[in-house]
Amino acid sequence: MDSSSHRDQKTKNKAPSPRRDGREAAVQYLYGNDVQGQIEFSPEKLEAFWSLRDAKSFAREFATELIRGVVEHSTEIDTMIRNQLENYSFQRLAAVDRNILRLGAYEIRYASHIPPQAAINEAIEIAKRFGTEESAGFVNGILDKILKR
């Protein structure tokens, strides 16, 4: 095994940072709601989610903050995303990509304590992990357009 493939293997086995874990959890929660037909935040739904998904307390708190923010601003966020889509229907987007975009758009627009470029980079990494081969580039393009607006 050469050093680059050894390094790649170490990266794959490394646990995500608490913030990345929180973002991934937020995307998973949003995705689960989305495929059920609605994005909503309730203590009961959140508790049910955490009973299925393990996370450290900081990651849980961060994810909860992100989920609450995305749900609270969902109309504006979805409009921002729709306005940047060319030759795509919002509802025909892959549910994973749609929810990564929601999270990234929320962080860019509403989470002032998170640098916008960091939000985009995190969304790209999550898209690489959970999306298709094209997801990372697609997410990058849409979020970059949102940032520039």
Protein backbone atom coordinates (compact mmCIF):
# COMPACT_ATOMS: atom_id res chain seq x y z
CA MET A 1 0.00 0.00 0.00
CA ASP A 2 1.50 3.35 -0.95
CA SER A 3 1.46 6.31 1.40
CA SER A 4 -1.39 8.14 -0.37
CA SER A 5 -3.77 5.19 -0.14
CA HIS A 6 -2.74 4.67 3.48
CA ARG A 7 -3.52 8.34 4.18
CA ASP A 8 -6.89 7.99 2.39
CA GLN A 9 -7.74 4.95 4.52
CA LYS A 10 -6.85 6.83 7.74
CA THR A 11 -9.10 9.71 6.67
CA LYS A 12 -12.02 7.34 6.02
CA ASN A 13 -11.65 5.72 9.45
CA LYS A 14 -11.25 8.99 11.35
CA ALA A 15 -14.26 10.08 13.40
CA PRO A 16 -15.78 13.35 12.21
CA SER A 17 -15.33 16.52 14.25
CA PRO A 18 -18.23 17.33 16.59
CA ARG A 19 -19.40 20.13 14.25
CA ARG A 20 -19.25 17.86 11.19
CA ASP A 21 -21.09 15.16 13.13
CA GLY A 22 -23.74 17.73 14.09
CA ARG A 23 -24.12 18.85 10.47
CA GLU A 24 -24.38 15.27 9.27
CA ALA A 25 -27.01 14.54 11.92
CA ALA A 26 -28.94 17.66 10.88
CA VAL A 27 -28.93 16.54 7.24
CA GLN A 28 -30.08 13.06 8.29
CA TYR A 29 -32.94 14.51 10.36
CA LEU A 30 -34.00 16.86 7.55
CA TYR A 31 -33.74 14.05 4.98
CA GLY A 32 -35.91 11.76 7.10
CA ASN A 33 -38.56 14.44 7.43
CA ASP A 34 -38.35 15.35 3.75
CA VAL A 35 -38.96 11.80 2.51
CA GLN A 36 -41.99 11.68 4.82
CA GLY A 37 -43.37 14.73 3.05
CA GLN A 38 -42.72 17.61 5.45
CA ILE A 39 -39.96 19.33 7.30
CA GLU A 40 -40.93 19.95 10.90
CA PHE A 41 -39.29 20.41 14.24
CA SER A 42 -40.81 19.02 17.37
CA PRO A 43 -39.30 17.74 20.60
CA GLU A 44 -40.97 14.36 20.02
CA LYS A 45 -39.59 13.94 16.50
CA LEU A 46 -36.17 15.06 17.63
CA GLU A 47 -36.18 12.63 20.56
CA ALA A 48 -37.21 9.80 18.25
CA PHE A 49 -34.36 10.74 15.90
CA TRP A 50 -31.78 10.78 18.71
CA SER A 51 -32.97 7.38 19.89
CA LEU A 52 -31.81 6.03 16.51
CA ARG A 53 -28.70 8.16 15.98
CA ASP A 54 -25.88 8.33 18.49
CA ALA A 55 -23.98 11.60 18.95
CA LYS A 56 -22.03 13.37 21.65
CA SER A 57 -23.78 16.19 23.48
CA PHE A 58 -22.05 19.03 21.58
CA ALA A 59 -22.94 17.46 18.22
CA ARG A 60 -26.55 17.01 19.38
CA GLU A 61 -26.82 20.61 20.51
CA PHE A 62 -25.25 21.91 17.31
CA ALA A 63 -27.48 19.70 15.15
CA THR A 64 -30.57 20.81 17.07
CA GLU A 65 -29.63 24.47 16.55
CA LEU A 66 -29.16 23.84 12.81
CA ILE A 67 -32.38 21.85 12.43
CA ARG A 68 -34.40 24.47 14.29
CA GLY A 69 -32.93 27.21 12.10
CA VAL A 70 -33.56 25.40 8.82
CA VAL A 71 -37.16 24.62 9.80
CA GLU A 72 -37.77 28.18 11.04
CA HIS A 73 -36.50 29.69 7.77
CA SER A 74 -37.56 26.87 5.44
CA THR A 75 -39.72 29.02 3.15
CA GLU A 76 -36.96 31.58 2.57
CA ILE A 77 -34.28 28.88 2.24
CA ASP A 78 -36.25 26.88 -0.33
CA THR A 79 -36.88 30.08 -2.30
CA MET A 80 -33.14 30.90 -2.28
CA ILE A 81 -32.36 27.43 -3.61
CA ARG A 82 -35.14 27.52 -6.23
CA ASN A 83 -33.86 30.87 -7.50
CA GLN A 84 -30.45 29.34 -8.23
CA LEU A 85 -31.63 26.20 -9.99
CA GLU A 86 -31.27 26.15 -13.74
CA ASN A 87 -32.95 23.31 -15.63
CA TYR A 88 -33.80 21.58 -12.35
CA SER A 89 -37.06 21.30 -10.51
CA PHE A 90 -36.70 21.74 -6.75
CA GLN A 91 -38.86 18.69 -6.04
CA ARG A 92 -36.90 16.54 -8.48
CA LEU A 93 -33.61 17.19 -6.71
CA ALA A 94 -32.29 14.16 -4.88
CA ALA A 95 -33.61 14.43 -1.31
CA VAL A 96 -30.08 14.19 0.09
CA ASP A 97 -28.85 17.05 -2.11
CA ARG A 98 -31.92 19.15 -1.34
CA ASN A 99 -31.33 18.86 2.39
CA ILE A 100 -27.59 19.47 2.18
CA LEU A 101 -28.45 22.61 0.22
CA ARG A 102 -30.99 23.62 2.86
CA LEU A 103 -28.42 23.29 5.61
CA GLY A 104 -25.73 25.11 3.63
CA ALA A 105 -28.08 27.93 2.64
CA TYR A 106 -29.17 28.31 6.26
CA GLU A 107 -25.58 28.56 7.46
CA ILE A 108 -24.65 31.06 4.73
CA ARG A 109 -27.64 33.31 5.26
CA TYR A 110 -28.60 33.01 8.93
CA ALA A 111 -25.72 31.55 10.97
CA SER A 112 -23.55 34.63 11.38
CA HIS A 113 -21.10 32.78 13.65
CA ILE A 114 -20.17 30.41 10.80
CA PRO A 115 -18.00 31.76 7.96
CA PRO A 116 -19.89 31.28 4.67
CA GLN A 117 -16.96 29.55 2.97
CA ALA A 118 -16.71 27.09 5.87
CA ALA A 119 -20.43 26.33 5.46
CA ILE A 120 -19.90 25.64 1.75
CA ASN A 121 -16.86 23.45 2.39
CA GLU A 122 -18.73 21.45 5.02
CA ALA A 123 -21.71 20.99 2.69
CA ILE A 124 -19.37 19.73 -0.04
CA GLU A 125 -17.80 17.20 2.32
CA ILE A 126 -21.21 15.97 3.45
CA ALA A 127 -22.32 15.70 -0.19
CA LYS A 128 -19.23 13.59 -0.94
CA ARG A 129 -20.14 11.26 1.90
CA PHE A 130 -23.91 10.95 1.42
CA GLY A 131 -24.62 12.02 -2.16
CA THR A 132 -23.78 10.81 -5.64
CA GLU A 133 -20.57 11.45 -7.56
CA GLU A 134 -22.09 14.66 -8.92
CA SER A 135 -23.50 15.92 -5.62
CA ALA A 136 -20.41 17.72 -4.33
CA GLY A 137 -19.99 19.82 -7.49
CA PHE A 138 -23.69 20.53 -7.70
CA VAL A 139 -23.93 21.60 -4.05
CA ASN A 140 -20.82 23.76 -4.45
CA GLY A 141 -22.26 25.54 -7.50
CA ILE A 142 -25.65 26.28 -5.95
CA LEU A 143 -24.28 27.42 -2.58
CA ASP A 144 -21.66 29.58 -4.28
CA LYS A 145 -24.43 31.32 -6.23
CA ILE A 146 -26.41 31.83 -3.01
CA LEU A 147 -23.33 33.32 -1.32
CA LYS A 148 -22.72 35.72 -4.21
CA ARG A 149 -26.32 36.99 -4.10
